[in-house]
Amino acid sequence: ALRSTQTNKTRNKPEEMPPKSLDLYCPICKDVFKDPVDLLCSHSFCRECLNKWWKDKITPDCPICRRISPIINGISGEVICRPHGERFKLFCVDDEKLLCLVCQHSDGHYGHKLQPVNEVAQGRRNELRKALRPLLDKLKVFKEEKGNLDQTAEYIKLQAQQTEGRIKEQFRKLHLFLHKEEDARIAALRTEESKKTQKVSLKIDALSREIAALSRTIKDTEGLMKAEDAVMLQSFRTAAETIQQRLLLENPQPVSGALIDVAKHLGNLSFNIWNKMKHLVSYTPVVLDPNNLQPHV
């Protein structure tokens, strides 16, 4: 809430300026107050600085303590009618405007449907509550998918460790002669692990950003629902539009080809080395793909 304040400080000559006082400076622009205003939380700012701070916000909060502070005229802590200085008691359904008891008698609203502010506000709160339900469901879906991807990332690491162990086990049978081949196989595995992990990490980061945006919208809307009736009505349309925009987000899709191609690294490994050391290896005609045994991943 804004309360106009006055700073009747006599400006001295530059050489006679008193020591700088933080009480005279806006916390946002760090300059002497211009058209200063107070919030209900007692923090003061330049009116223009505060309007810029609130420009893209659903709810007007204090830049310092984050307390929600609706814009007002005067010091009552309420949204009032500027032309008449009265509290808003009615809401014109036809014009979607707040009215005081004086406004209702104007020609502009003659014959229009008028309702008490508290009744309309409660109805709009119910609309926001209903609109939030699918958004909360969407947030749940995103969180579940992120959880699955977190498990996939861990399983990739486990696969890499297990596959590396099996590769080394087979290469140890080939003695020092096979060390060069072993190193090449491990390098290929590391490269694929890096690529697959990076792919999943990018998806996780994207989901984290979407979750943060959804959570922020939900938090802001829930905060607006707790605000004073007139304040909530002033910001209702913006809040509802923001919710609809968030609902347009497509649900996350599973990452295809995320897991390591274990069969490529282990498939007929000994046979592939057989050309170099035929007398040390045996051929395995079929190699099962462990990824097919993990339907939950």
C-alpha atoms as a PDB file:
ATOM      1  CA  ALA A   1       0.000   0.000   0.000  1.00  0.00           C
ATOM      2  CA  LEU A   2       1.241   3.480  -0.811  1.00  0.00           C
ATOM      3  CA  ARG A   3       0.939   6.474   1.501  1.00  0.00           C
ATOM      4  CA  SER A   4       2.155   9.754   0.119  1.00  0.00           C
ATOM      5  CA  THR A   5       4.798  11.274   2.358  1.00  0.00           C
ATOM      6  CA  GLN A   6       6.561  14.583   2.292  1.00  0.00           C
ATOM      7  CA  THR A   7      10.211  15.345   2.835  1.00  0.00           C
ATOM      8  CA  ASN A   8      10.444  18.998   3.754  1.00  0.00           C
ATOM      9  CA  LYS A   9      14.205  19.045   3.842  1.00  0.00           C
ATOM     10  CA  THR A  10      15.852  22.381   3.068  1.00  0.00           C
ATOM     11  CA  ARG A  11      18.510  21.882   0.386  1.00  0.00           C
ATOM     12  CA  ASN A  12      21.813  23.406   1.427  1.00  0.00           C
ATOM     13  CA  LYS A  13      24.606  24.521  -0.788  1.00  0.00           C
ATOM     14  CA  PRO A  14      26.942  21.699  -1.952  1.00  0.00           C
ATOM     15  CA  GLU A  15      29.681  22.721   0.418  1.00  0.00           C
ATOM     16  CA  GLU A  16      27.251  22.782   3.361  1.00  0.00           C
ATOM     17  CA  MET A  17      25.534  19.393   2.753  1.00  0.00           C
ATOM     18  CA  PRO A  18      25.014  17.433   5.998  1.00  0.00           C
ATOM     19  CA  PRO A  19      26.245  13.853   6.342  1.00  0.00           C
ATOM     20  CA  LYS A  20      24.359  11.381   4.136  1.00  0.00           C
ATOM     21  CA  SER A  21      21.336   9.864   5.911  1.00  0.00           C
ATOM     22  CA  LEU A  22      19.942   6.525   4.744  1.00  0.00           C
ATOM     23  CA  ASP A  23      16.449   7.765   5.745  1.00  0.00           C
ATOM     24  CA  LEU A  24      16.503  10.154   2.789  1.00  0.00           C
ATOM     25  CA  TYR A  25      17.499   7.625   0.138  1.00  0.00           C
ATOM     26  CA  CYS A  26      15.393   5.162  -1.840  1.00  0.00           C
ATOM     27  CA  PRO A  27      16.592   1.536  -1.357  1.00  0.00           C
ATOM     28  CA  ILE A  28      15.904   0.824  -5.052  1.00  0.00           C
ATOM     29  CA  CYS A  29      17.580   3.699  -6.940  1.00  0.00           C
ATOM     30  CA  LYS A  30      19.959   4.610  -4.071  1.00  0.00           C
ATOM     31  CA  ASP A  31      19.156   8.301  -4.678  1.00  0.00           C
ATOM     32  CA  VAL A  32      17.300  10.975  -2.690  1.00  0.00           C
ATOM     33  CA  PHE A  33      13.572  10.237  -2.590  1.00  0.00           C
ATOM     34  CA  LYS A  34      11.485  11.601  -5.466  1.00  0.00           C
ATOM     35  CA  ASP A  35       7.752  11.649  -4.734  1.00  0.00           C
ATOM     36  CA  PRO A  36       8.310   9.293  -1.737  1.00  0.00           C
ATOM     37  CA  VAL A  37       5.660   6.827  -0.614  1.00  0.00           C
ATOM     38  CA  ASP A  38       5.341   4.458   2.358  1.00  0.00           C
ATOM     39  CA  LEU A  39       4.151   0.848   2.378  1.00  0.00           C
ATOM     40  CA  LEU A  40       2.134  -0.725   5.157  1.00  0.00           C
ATOM     41  CA  CYS A  41       5.333  -2.467   6.283  1.00  0.00           C
ATOM     42  CA  SER A  42       6.839   1.027   6.898  1.00  0.00           C
ATOM     43  CA  HIS A  43       9.424   0.774   4.092  1.00  0.00           C
ATOM     44  CA  SER A  44       9.695   3.843   1.840  1.00  0.00           C
ATOM     45  CA  PHE A  45      10.523   4.162  -1.866  1.00  0.00           C
ATOM     46  CA  CYS A  46      10.258   6.567  -4.791  1.00  0.00           C
ATOM     47  CA  ARG A  47       6.813   6.172  -6.341  1.00  0.00           C
ATOM     48  CA  GLU A  48       8.314   5.636  -9.818  1.00  0.00           C
ATOM     49  CA  CYS A  49      10.826   3.054  -8.523  1.00  0.00           C
ATOM     50  CA  LEU A  50       8.049   1.113  -6.794  1.00  0.00           C
ATOM     51  CA  ASN A  51       5.815   1.174  -9.868  1.00  0.00           C
ATOM     52  CA  LYS A  52       8.673  -0.251 -11.965  1.00  0.00           C
ATOM     53  CA  TRP A  53       9.266  -2.950  -9.329  1.00  0.00           C
ATOM     54  CA  TRP A  54       5.585  -3.959  -9.445  1.00  0.00           C
ATOM     55  CA  LYS A  55       5.254  -3.718 -13.239  1.00  0.00           C
ATOM     56  CA  ASP A  56       5.421  -7.458 -14.083  1.00  0.00           C
ATOM     57  CA  LYS A  57       4.277  -8.872 -10.732  1.00  0.00           C
ATOM     58  CA  ILE A  58       0.956 -10.536 -10.052  1.00  0.00           C
ATOM     59  CA  THR A  59       0.882  -9.301  -6.458  1.00  0.00           C
ATOM     60  CA  PRO A  60       2.373  -6.010  -5.174  1.00  0.00           C
ATOM     61  CA  ASP A  61       5.021  -6.928  -2.623  1.00  0.00           C
ATOM     62  CA  CYS A  62       7.620  -4.908  -0.736  1.00  0.00           C
ATOM     63  CA  PRO A  63      11.052  -5.016  -2.463  1.00  0.00           C
ATOM     64  CA  ILE A  64      12.683  -5.396   0.969  1.00  0.00           C
ATOM     65  CA  CYS A  65      10.508  -7.650   3.152  1.00  0.00           C
ATOM     66  CA  ARG A  66       8.319  -9.146   0.359  1.00  0.00           C
ATOM     67  CA  ARG A  67       5.126  -8.409   2.300  1.00  0.00           C
ATOM     68  CA  ILE A  68       2.116  -8.012  -0.003  1.00  0.00           C
ATOM     69  CA  SER A  69       1.148  -4.309  -0.021  1.00  0.00           C
ATOM     70  CA  PRO A  70      -1.782  -3.303  -2.265  1.00  0.00           C
ATOM     71  CA  ILE A  71      -1.791   0.207  -3.736  1.00  0.00           C
ATOM     72  CA  ILE A  72      -3.951   2.666  -1.751  1.00  0.00           C
ATOM     73  CA  ASN A  73      -4.660   6.385  -1.482  1.00  0.00           C
ATOM     74  CA  GLY A  74      -4.473   7.713   2.039  1.00  0.00           C
ATOM     75  CA  ILE A  75      -3.391   5.761   5.111  1.00  0.00           C
ATOM     76  CA  SER A  76      -6.311   3.436   5.766  1.00  0.00           C
ATOM     77  CA  GLY A  77      -4.648   0.374   4.215  1.00  0.00           C
ATOM     78  CA  GLU A  78      -7.597  -0.117   1.864  1.00  0.00           C
ATOM     79  CA  VAL A  79      -8.192   0.315  -1.845  1.00  0.00           C
ATOM     80  CA  ILE A  80     -10.456   3.331  -2.212  1.00  0.00           C
ATOM     81  CA  CYS A  81     -12.204   5.201  -5.004  1.00  0.00           C
ATOM     82  CA  ARG A  82      -9.965   8.062  -6.107  1.00  0.00           C
ATOM     83  CA  PRO A  83     -12.741  10.398  -7.379  1.00  0.00           C
ATOM     84  CA  HIS A  84     -14.900  10.043  -4.257  1.00  0.00           C
ATOM     85  CA  GLY A  85     -12.482   8.916  -1.543  1.00  0.00           C
ATOM     86  CA  GLU A  86     -14.846   6.105  -0.533  1.00  0.00           C
ATOM     87  CA  ARG A  87     -14.238   2.403   0.007  1.00  0.00           C
ATOM     88  CA  PHE A  88     -15.226   0.072  -2.814  1.00  0.00           C
ATOM     89  CA  LYS A  89     -18.385  -1.702  -1.698  1.00  0.00           C
ATOM     90  CA  LEU A  90     -19.825  -2.867  -5.030  1.00  0.00           C
ATOM     91  CA  PHE A  91     -18.688  -4.554  -8.222  1.00  0.00           C
ATOM     92  CA  CYS A  92     -20.256  -3.794 -11.624  1.00  0.00           C
ATOM     93  CA  VAL A  93     -20.615  -7.166 -13.333  1.00  0.00           C
ATOM     94  CA  ASP A  94     -21.356  -5.584 -16.719  1.00  0.00           C
ATOM     95  CA  ASP A  95     -18.251  -3.351 -16.726  1.00  0.00           C
ATOM     96  CA  GLU A  96     -15.993  -5.490 -14.512  1.00  0.00           C
ATOM     97  CA  LYS A  97     -15.263  -2.462 -12.333  1.00  0.00           C
ATOM     98  CA  LEU A  98     -15.109  -1.708  -8.618  1.00  0.00           C
ATOM     99  CA  LEU A  99     -17.617   0.905  -7.409  1.00  0.00           C
ATOM    100  CA  CYS A 100     -18.087   2.910  -4.263  1.00  0.00           C
ATOM    101  CA  LEU A 101     -21.563   3.816  -3.010  1.00  0.00           C
ATOM    102  CA  VAL A 102     -21.340   7.129  -4.886  1.00  0.00           C
ATOM    103  CA  CYS A 103     -20.244   5.530  -8.176  1.00  0.00           C
ATOM    104  CA  GLN A 104     -23.309   3.299  -8.314  1.00  0.00           C
ATOM    105  CA  HIS A 105     -25.571   6.320  -8.879  1.00  0.00           C
ATOM    106  CA  SER A 106     -23.628   7.536 -11.927  1.00  0.00           C
ATOM    107  CA  ASP A 107     -25.234   7.327 -15.382  1.00  0.00           C
ATOM    108  CA  GLY A 108     -22.420   5.084 -16.573  1.00  0.00           C
ATOM    109  CA  HIS A 109     -23.676   2.206 -14.418  1.00  0.00           C
ATOM    110  CA  TYR A 110     -27.419   2.799 -14.580  1.00  0.00           C
ATOM    111  CA  GLY A 111     -29.288  -0.477 -14.983  1.00  0.00           C
ATOM    112  CA  HIS A 112     -26.147  -2.549 -14.607  1.00  0.00           C
ATOM    113  CA  LYS A 113     -25.902  -5.623 -12.431  1.00  0.00           C
ATOM    114  CA  LEU A 114     -24.150  -4.713  -9.169  1.00  0.00           C
ATOM    115  CA  GLN A 115     -22.963  -7.158  -6.531  1.00  0.00           C
ATOM    116  CA  PRO A 116     -21.209  -6.785  -3.168  1.00  0.00           C
ATOM    117  CA  VAL A 117     -17.431  -6.849  -3.467  1.00  0.00           C
ATOM    118  CA  ASN A 118     -17.027  -9.699  -0.971  1.00  0.00           C
ATOM    119  CA  GLU A 119     -19.445 -11.953  -2.887  1.00  0.00           C
ATOM    120  CA  VAL A 120     -17.730 -11.332  -6.228  1.00  0.00           C
ATOM    121  CA  ALA A 121     -14.301 -11.754  -4.658  1.00  0.00           C
ATOM    122  CA  GLN A 122     -15.277 -15.103  -3.173  1.00  0.00           C
ATOM    123  CA  GLY A 123     -16.597 -16.251  -6.537  1.00  0.00           C
ATOM    124  CA  ARG A 124     -13.382 -15.206  -8.261  1.00  0.00           C
ATOM    125  CA  ARG A 125     -11.347 -16.954  -5.579  1.00  0.00           C
ATOM    126  CA  ASN A 126     -13.298 -20.109  -6.339  1.00  0.00           C
ATOM    127  CA  GLU A 127     -12.493 -19.643 -10.043  1.00  0.00           C
ATOM    128  CA  LEU A 128      -8.795 -19.313  -9.272  1.00  0.00           C
ATOM    129  CA  ARG A 129      -8.939 -22.331  -6.973  1.00  0.00           C
ATOM    130  CA  LYS A 130     -10.588 -24.383  -9.749  1.00  0.00           C
ATOM    131  CA  ALA A 131      -8.092 -23.099 -12.308  1.00  0.00           C
ATOM    132  CA  LEU A 132      -5.200 -24.105 -10.056  1.00  0.00           C
ATOM    133  CA  ARG A 133      -6.256 -27.748  -9.846  1.00  0.00           C
ATOM    134  CA  PRO A 134      -5.055 -28.800 -13.325  1.00  0.00           C
ATOM    135  CA  LEU A 135      -1.933 -26.712 -12.800  1.00  0.00           C
ATOM    136  CA  LEU A 136      -1.188 -28.596  -9.606  1.00  0.00           C
ATOM    137  CA  ASP A 137      -1.753 -31.861 -11.479  1.00  0.00           C
ATOM    138  CA  LYS A 138       0.643 -30.721 -14.191  1.00  0.00           C
ATOM    139  CA  LEU A 139       3.239 -29.839 -11.580  1.00  0.00           C
ATOM    140  CA  LYS A 140       2.868 -33.348 -10.151  1.00  0.00           C
ATOM    141  CA  VAL A 141       3.439 -34.871 -13.598  1.00  0.00           C
ATOM    142  CA  PHE A 142       6.568 -32.795 -14.125  1.00  0.00           C
ATOM    143  CA  LYS A 143       7.937 -33.721 -10.710  1.00  0.00           C
ATOM    144  CA  GLU A 144       7.248 -37.414 -11.294  1.00  0.00           C
ATOM    145  CA  GLU A 145       8.997 -37.314 -14.662  1.00  0.00           C
ATOM    146  CA  LYS A 146      11.963 -35.506 -13.139  1.00  0.00           C
ATOM    147  CA  GLY A 147      12.091 -38.185 -10.443  1.00  0.00           C
ATOM    148  CA  ASN A 148      12.162 -40.864 -13.133  1.00  0.00           C
ATOM    149  CA  LEU A 149      14.956 -39.075 -14.948  1.00  0.00           C
ATOM    150  CA  ASP A 150      16.918 -38.717 -11.717  1.00  0.00           C
ATOM    151  CA  GLN A 151      16.668 -42.485 -11.296  1.00  0.00           C
ATOM    152  CA  THR A 152      17.679 -42.971 -14.926  1.00  0.00           C
ATOM    153  CA  ALA A 153      20.758 -40.805 -14.433  1.00  0.00           C
ATOM    154  CA  GLU A 154      21.773 -42.880 -11.425  1.00  0.00           C
ATOM    155  CA  TYR A 155      21.101 -46.104 -13.318  1.00  0.00           C
ATOM    156  CA  ILE A 156      23.288 -44.888 -16.179  1.00  0.00           C
ATOM    157  CA  LYS A 157      26.140 -44.486 -13.741  1.00  0.00           C
ATOM    158  CA  LEU A 158      25.471 -47.944 -12.320  1.00  0.00           C
ATOM    159  CA  GLN A 159      25.370 -49.414 -15.822  1.00  0.00           C
ATOM    160  CA  ALA A 160      28.658 -47.770 -16.659  1.00  0.00           C
ATOM    161  CA  GLN A 161      30.271 -49.147 -13.511  1.00  0.00           C
ATOM    162  CA  GLN A 162      28.935 -52.667 -14.026  1.00  0.00           C
ATOM    163  CA  THR A 163      29.757 -52.704 -17.729  1.00  0.00           C
ATOM    164  CA  GLU A 164      33.240 -51.428 -17.071  1.00  0.00           C
ATOM    165  CA  GLY A 165      33.791 -54.200 -14.539  1.00  0.00           C
ATOM    166  CA  ARG A 166      32.668 -56.891 -16.988  1.00  0.00           C
ATOM    167  CA  ILE A 167      34.796 -55.431 -19.755  1.00  0.00           C
ATOM    168  CA  LYS A 168      37.838 -55.461 -17.491  1.00  0.00           C
ATOM    169  CA  GLU A 169      37.071 -59.012 -16.382  1.00  0.00           C
ATOM    170  CA  GLN A 170      37.176 -60.252 -19.958  1.00  0.00           C
ATOM    171  CA  PHE A 171      40.195 -58.194 -20.871  1.00  0.00           C
ATOM    172  CA  ARG A 172      42.194 -59.521 -17.935  1.00  0.00           C
ATOM    173  CA  LYS A 173      41.964 -62.940 -19.576  1.00  0.00           C
ATOM    174  CA  LEU A 174      43.711 -61.528 -22.603  1.00  0.00           C
ATOM    175  CA  HIS A 175      46.720 -60.384 -20.524  1.00  0.00           C
ATOM    176  CA  LEU A 176      48.954 -57.474 -21.455  1.00  0.00           C
ATOM    177  CA  PHE A 177      48.511 -58.014 -25.182  1.00  0.00           C
ATOM    178  CA  LEU A 178      44.916 -56.800 -24.940  1.00  0.00           C
ATOM    179  CA  HIS A 179      45.492 -53.676 -22.836  1.00  0.00           C
ATOM    180  CA  LYS A 180      45.395 -51.393 -25.847  1.00  0.00           C
ATOM    181  CA  GLU A 181      42.056 -52.861 -27.007  1.00  0.00           C
ATOM    182  CA  GLU A 182      40.700 -52.644 -23.485  1.00  0.00           C
ATOM    183  CA  ASP A 183      41.557 -48.964 -23.213  1.00  0.00           C
ATOM    184  CA  ALA A 184      39.803 -48.292 -26.496  1.00  0.00           C
ATOM    185  CA  ARG A 185      36.638 -50.060 -25.309  1.00  0.00           C
ATOM    186  CA  ILE A 186      36.616 -48.182 -22.004  1.00  0.00           C
ATOM    187  CA  ALA A 187      37.077 -44.874 -23.805  1.00  0.00           C
ATOM    188  CA  ALA A 188      34.085 -45.640 -26.026  1.00  0.00           C
ATOM    189  CA  LEU A 189      32.005 -46.479 -22.981  1.00  0.00           C
ATOM    190  CA  ARG A 190      33.057 -43.260 -21.235  1.00  0.00           C
ATOM    191  CA  THR A 191      32.175 -41.237 -24.300  1.00  0.00           C
ATOM    192  CA  GLU A 192      28.711 -42.774 -24.526  1.00  0.00           C
ATOM    193  CA  GLU A 193      28.180 -42.370 -20.786  1.00  0.00           C
ATOM    194  CA  SER A 194      29.081 -38.688 -21.084  1.00  0.00           C
ATOM    195  CA  LYS A 195      26.739 -38.149 -24.013  1.00  0.00           C
ATOM    196  CA  LYS A 196      23.842 -40.020 -22.428  1.00  0.00           C
ATOM    197  CA  THR A 197      24.325 -38.301 -19.074  1.00  0.00           C
ATOM    198  CA  GLN A 198      24.492 -34.903 -20.763  1.00  0.00           C
ATOM    199  CA  LYS A 199      21.310 -35.664 -22.686  1.00  0.00           C
ATOM    200  CA  VAL A 200      19.429 -36.620 -19.524  1.00  0.00           C
ATOM    201  CA  SER A 201      20.925 -33.688 -17.587  1.00  0.00           C
ATOM    202  CA  LEU A 202      19.650 -31.223 -20.181  1.00  0.00           C
ATOM    203  CA  LYS A 203      16.174 -32.717 -19.848  1.00  0.00           C
ATOM    204  CA  ILE A 204      16.395 -32.543 -16.049  1.00  0.00           C
ATOM    205  CA  ASP A 205      17.461 -28.888 -16.216  1.00  0.00           C
ATOM    206  CA  ALA A 206      14.572 -28.067 -18.532  1.00  0.00           C
ATOM    207  CA  LEU A 207      12.094 -29.804 -16.228  1.00  0.00           C
ATOM    208  CA  SER A 208      13.577 -27.993 -13.218  1.00  0.00           C
ATOM    209  CA  ARG A 209      12.977 -24.646 -14.909  1.00  0.00           C
ATOM    210  CA  GLU A 210       9.394 -25.582 -15.763  1.00  0.00           C
ATOM    211  CA  ILE A 211       8.789 -26.814 -12.215  1.00  0.00           C
ATOM    212  CA  ALA A 212      10.174 -23.568 -10.833  1.00  0.00           C
ATOM    213  CA  ALA A 213       7.917 -21.528 -13.129  1.00  0.00           C
ATOM    214  CA  LEU A 214       4.844 -23.601 -12.221  1.00  0.00           C
ATOM    215  CA  SER A 215       5.659 -23.417  -8.502  1.00  0.00           C
ATOM    216  CA  ARG A 216       6.188 -19.656  -8.706  1.00  0.00           C
ATOM    217  CA  THR A 217       2.837 -19.157 -10.465  1.00  0.00           C
ATOM    218  CA  ILE A 218       1.057 -21.313  -7.900  1.00  0.00           C
ATOM    219  CA  LYS A 219       2.718 -19.481  -4.995  1.00  0.00           C
ATOM    220  CA  ASP A 220       1.903 -16.044  -6.455  1.00  0.00           C
ATOM    221  CA  THR A 221      -1.709 -17.040  -7.133  1.00  0.00           C
ATOM    222  CA  GLU A 222      -2.171 -18.511  -3.664  1.00  0.00           C
ATOM    223  CA  GLY A 223      -0.748 -15.295  -2.236  1.00  0.00           C
ATOM    224  CA  LEU A 224      -3.203 -13.262  -4.316  1.00  0.00           C
ATOM    225  CA  MET A 225      -6.092 -15.403  -3.086  1.00  0.00           C
ATOM    226  CA  LYS A 226      -5.210 -14.388   0.483  1.00  0.00           C
ATOM    227  CA  ALA A 227      -5.032 -10.688  -0.382  1.00  0.00           C
ATOM    228  CA  GLU A 228      -7.748  -8.114   0.343  1.00  0.00           C
ATOM    229  CA  ASP A 229     -10.820  -8.485  -1.875  1.00  0.00           C
ATOM    230  CA  ALA A 230     -10.328  -5.413  -4.037  1.00  0.00           C
ATOM    231  CA  VAL A 231      -6.659  -6.153  -4.472  1.00  0.00           C
ATOM    232  CA  MET A 232      -7.446  -9.687  -5.577  1.00  0.00           C
ATOM    233  CA  LEU A 233     -10.023  -8.392  -8.064  1.00  0.00           C
ATOM    234  CA  GLN A 234      -7.544  -5.899  -9.529  1.00  0.00           C
ATOM    235  CA  SER A 235      -5.015  -8.654 -10.225  1.00  0.00           C
ATOM    236  CA  PHE A 236      -7.468 -11.457 -11.013  1.00  0.00           C
ATOM    237  CA  ARG A 237      -7.338 -11.230 -14.794  1.00  0.00           C
ATOM    238  CA  THR A 238      -3.540 -11.203 -14.908  1.00  0.00           C
ATOM    239  CA  ALA A 239      -3.385 -14.175 -12.537  1.00  0.00           C
ATOM    240  CA  ALA A 240      -5.958 -16.153 -14.527  1.00  0.00           C
ATOM    241  CA  GLU A 241      -4.161 -15.454 -17.813  1.00  0.00           C
ATOM    242  CA  THR A 242      -0.842 -16.530 -16.289  1.00  0.00           C
ATOM    243  CA  ILE A 243      -2.392 -19.805 -15.147  1.00  0.00           C
ATOM    244  CA  GLN A 244      -3.800 -20.461 -18.623  1.00  0.00           C
ATOM    245  CA  GLN A 245      -0.387 -19.816 -20.160  1.00  0.00           C
ATOM    246  CA  ARG A 246       1.215 -22.304 -17.796  1.00  0.00           C
ATOM    247  CA  LEU A 247      -1.436 -24.878 -18.642  1.00  0.00           C
ATOM    248  CA  LEU A 248      -0.375 -24.677 -22.285  1.00  0.00           C
ATOM    249  CA  LEU A 249       2.942 -26.298 -21.378  1.00  0.00           C
ATOM    250  CA  GLU A 250       3.218 -29.725 -22.933  1.00  0.00           C
ATOM    251  CA  ASN A 251       3.656 -32.587 -20.535  1.00  0.00           C
ATOM    252  CA  PRO A 252       7.188 -33.969 -20.421  1.00  0.00           C
ATOM    253  CA  GLN A 253       8.002 -36.883 -22.686  1.00  0.00           C
ATOM    254  CA  PRO A 254      10.384 -39.721 -21.780  1.00  0.00           C
ATOM    255  CA  VAL A 255      13.874 -39.356 -23.195  1.00  0.00           C
ATOM    256  CA  SER A 256      14.388 -41.916 -25.937  1.00  0.00           C
ATOM    257  CA  GLY A 257      17.685 -43.720 -26.192  1.00  0.00           C
ATOM    258  CA  ALA A 258      18.823 -42.438 -22.825  1.00  0.00           C
ATOM    259  CA  LEU A 259      20.396 -45.631 -21.538  1.00  0.00           C
ATOM    260  CA  ILE A 260      23.838 -46.906 -22.453  1.00  0.00           C
ATOM    261  CA  ASP A 261      23.907 -49.404 -25.312  1.00  0.00           C
ATOM    262  CA  VAL A 262      25.390 -52.167 -23.183  1.00  0.00           C
ATOM    263  CA  ALA A 263      25.022 -54.720 -25.955  1.00  0.00           C
ATOM    264  CA  LYS A 264      27.236 -52.626 -28.197  1.00  0.00           C
ATOM    265  CA  HIS A 265      30.034 -52.675 -25.618  1.00  0.00           C
ATOM    266  CA  LEU A 266      29.640 -56.242 -24.389  1.00  0.00           C
ATOM    267  CA  GLY A 267      28.105 -57.996 -27.381  1.00  0.00           C
ATOM    268  CA  ASN A 268      30.444 -60.732 -28.568  1.00  0.00           C
ATOM    269  CA  LEU A 269      33.351 -58.855 -27.056  1.00  0.00           C
ATOM    270  CA  SER A 270      35.593 -61.885 -26.944  1.00  0.00           C
ATOM    271  CA  PHE A 271      34.639 -62.872 -30.491  1.00  0.00           C
ATOM    272  CA  ASN A 272      35.550 -59.425 -31.760  1.00  0.00           C
ATOM    273  CA  ILE A 273      39.014 -59.891 -30.265  1.00  0.00           C
ATOM    274  CA  TRP A 274      39.228 -63.404 -31.619  1.00  0.00           C
ATOM    275  CA  ASN A 275      40.877 -62.282 -34.827  1.00  0.00           C
ATOM    276  CA  LYS A 276      43.843 -61.181 -32.751  1.00  0.00           C
ATOM    277  CA  MET A 277      43.880 -63.998 -30.213  1.00  0.00           C
ATOM    278  CA  LYS A 278      41.746 -66.834 -31.556  1.00  0.00           C
ATOM    279  CA  HIS A 279      43.248 -69.419 -29.268  1.00  0.00           C
ATOM    280  CA  LEU A 280      42.268 -67.481 -26.100  1.00  0.00           C
ATOM    281  CA  VAL A 281      38.589 -66.759 -26.764  1.00  0.00           C
ATOM    282  CA  SER A 282      35.282 -68.503 -27.413  1.00  0.00           C
ATOM    283  CA  TYR A 283      32.348 -67.256 -29.483  1.00  0.00           C
ATOM    284  CA  THR A 284      29.032 -66.256 -27.840  1.00  0.00           C
ATOM    285  CA  PRO A 285      26.244 -66.362 -30.443  1.00  0.00           C
ATOM    286  CA  VAL A 286      23.583 -64.482 -28.396  1.00  0.00           C
ATOM    287  CA  VAL A 287      23.978 -61.592 -25.969  1.00  0.00           C
ATOM    288  CA  LEU A 288      20.982 -60.366 -23.999  1.00  0.00           C
ATOM    289  CA  ASP A 289      20.426 -56.621 -23.705  1.00  0.00           C
ATOM    290  CA  PRO A 290      20.150 -55.753 -19.985  1.00  0.00           C
ATOM    291  CA  ASN A 291      18.133 -52.639 -20.856  1.00  0.00           C
ATOM    292  CA  ASN A 292      15.254 -54.895 -21.905  1.00  0.00           C
ATOM    293  CA  LEU A 293      15.235 -56.356 -18.409  1.00  0.00           C
ATOM    294  CA  GLN A 294      14.599 -52.920 -16.814  1.00  0.00           C
ATOM    295  CA  PRO A 295      11.062 -51.928 -17.789  1.00  0.00           C
ATOM    296  CA  HIS A 296      10.798 -49.590 -14.802  1.00  0.00           C
ATOM    297  CA  VAL A 297      13.590 -47.318 -16.027  1.00  0.00           C
END
